Amino acid sequence: MTLEINEPIRVGAIFSQRCVRPVWFSWKGRQIRIKESAYSWKSREGSAVLFHFSVTDGQGLYEICYNGENLGWVLIRATEERG
């Protein structure tokens, strides 16, 4: 089931040169460790450059977004497996 979230989140990320790599994020009171980044892309919202990441923890698929202007992260959507 895919949920549209659009909530600010805390993210642990590695910044190097012109590269951003998210490592974990906090959501629903738990820390989700990113096992793999499936896809990443950039978009613009006004003057802000947005860095989108489709990531997985091995159980769910999440789209998170970093705003290069206000330096904030948002969880856009989540697809979690029910088991």
Protein backbone atom coordinates (compact mmCIF):
# COMPACT_ATOMS: atom_id res chain seq x y z
CA MET A 1 0.00 0.00 0.00
CA THR A 2 1.43 3.38 -1.02
CA LEU A 3 0.78 6.32 1.30
CA GLU A 4 1.24 9.98 0.41
CA ILE A 5 3.00 11.41 3.48
CA ASN A 6 4.58 14.84 2.76
CA GLU A 7 5.97 15.26 6.31
CA PRO A 8 9.26 16.78 7.44
CA ILE A 9 11.72 14.13 8.67
CA ARG A 10 15.17 13.92 10.23
CA VAL A 11 17.78 12.34 7.98
CA GLY A 12 21.35 11.20 8.48
CA ALA A 13 23.19 11.83 5.22
CA ILE A 14 26.69 11.99 3.81
CA PHE A 15 27.51 15.11 1.79
CA SER A 16 30.57 15.02 -0.47
CA GLN A 17 31.56 17.23 -3.39
CA ARG A 18 28.27 17.46 -5.36
CA CYS A 19 26.81 14.24 -3.99
CA VAL A 20 24.25 13.60 -1.24
CA ARG A 21 23.72 10.08 0.13
CA PRO A 22 21.02 9.50 2.75
CA VAL A 23 21.92 6.75 5.25
CA TRP A 24 18.91 6.71 7.61
CA PHE A 25 15.76 8.67 8.43
CA SER A 26 13.33 8.87 11.34
CA TRP A 27 9.61 8.27 10.81
CA LYS A 28 6.81 7.15 13.14
CA GLY A 29 9.19 7.12 16.10
CA ARG A 30 11.64 4.70 14.53
CA GLN A 31 14.92 5.00 12.69
CA ILE A 32 14.87 3.46 9.23
CA ARG A 33 18.28 2.41 7.92
CA ILE A 34 18.61 2.75 4.16
CA LYS A 35 19.98 -0.41 2.56
CA GLU A 36 19.82 0.78 -1.03
CA SER A 37 19.04 3.85 -3.10
CA ALA A 38 17.05 2.61 -6.08
CA TYR A 39 16.90 5.89 -7.99
CA SER A 40 17.63 9.59 -7.54
CA TRP A 41 16.72 12.71 -9.51
CA LYS A 42 16.55 16.50 -9.25
CA SER A 43 13.67 18.89 -9.72
CA ARG A 44 13.02 22.58 -9.08
CA GLU A 45 10.44 24.39 -7.01
CA GLY A 46 10.85 28.09 -7.66
CA SER A 47 14.51 28.88 -6.93
CA ALA A 48 14.99 25.74 -4.82
CA VAL A 49 16.70 22.64 -6.19
CA LEU A 50 15.10 19.47 -4.82
CA PHE A 51 17.03 16.22 -4.59
CA HIS A 52 14.71 13.19 -4.65
CA PHE A 53 15.71 9.69 -3.53
CA SER A 54 13.82 6.44 -3.90
CA VAL A 55 15.24 4.28 -1.11
CA THR A 56 14.56 0.95 0.59
CA ASP A 57 15.26 -0.58 3.97
CA GLY A 58 14.66 -4.05 2.54
CA GLN A 59 10.99 -4.06 3.55
CA GLY A 60 9.51 -0.80 2.30
CA LEU A 61 10.10 1.68 -0.51
CA TYR A 62 10.25 5.38 0.35
CA GLU A 63 10.63 8.62 -1.56
CA ILE A 64 12.50 11.23 0.42
CA CYS A 65 13.42 14.71 -0.75
CA TYR A 66 16.14 17.20 0.25
CA ASN A 67 15.51 20.91 -0.37
CA GLY A 68 18.84 22.56 -1.20
CA GLU A 69 17.49 26.02 -0.35
CA ASN A 70 15.99 25.51 3.13
CA LEU A 71 18.15 22.42 3.90
CA GLY A 72 15.10 20.41 5.00
CA TRP A 73 14.08 16.82 4.29
CA VAL A 74 10.56 15.56 3.56
CA LEU A 75 9.15 12.05 3.32
CA ILE A 76 7.03 12.25 0.17
CA ARG A 77 5.56 8.75 0.05
CA ALA A 78 5.96 5.30 1.55
CA THR A 79 5.12 1.85 0.26
CA GLU A 80 5.35 -0.67 3.06
CA GLU A 81 4.89 -4.39 2.76
CA ARG A 82 2.30 -5.90 5.08
CA GLY A 83 3.22 -9.29 6.39
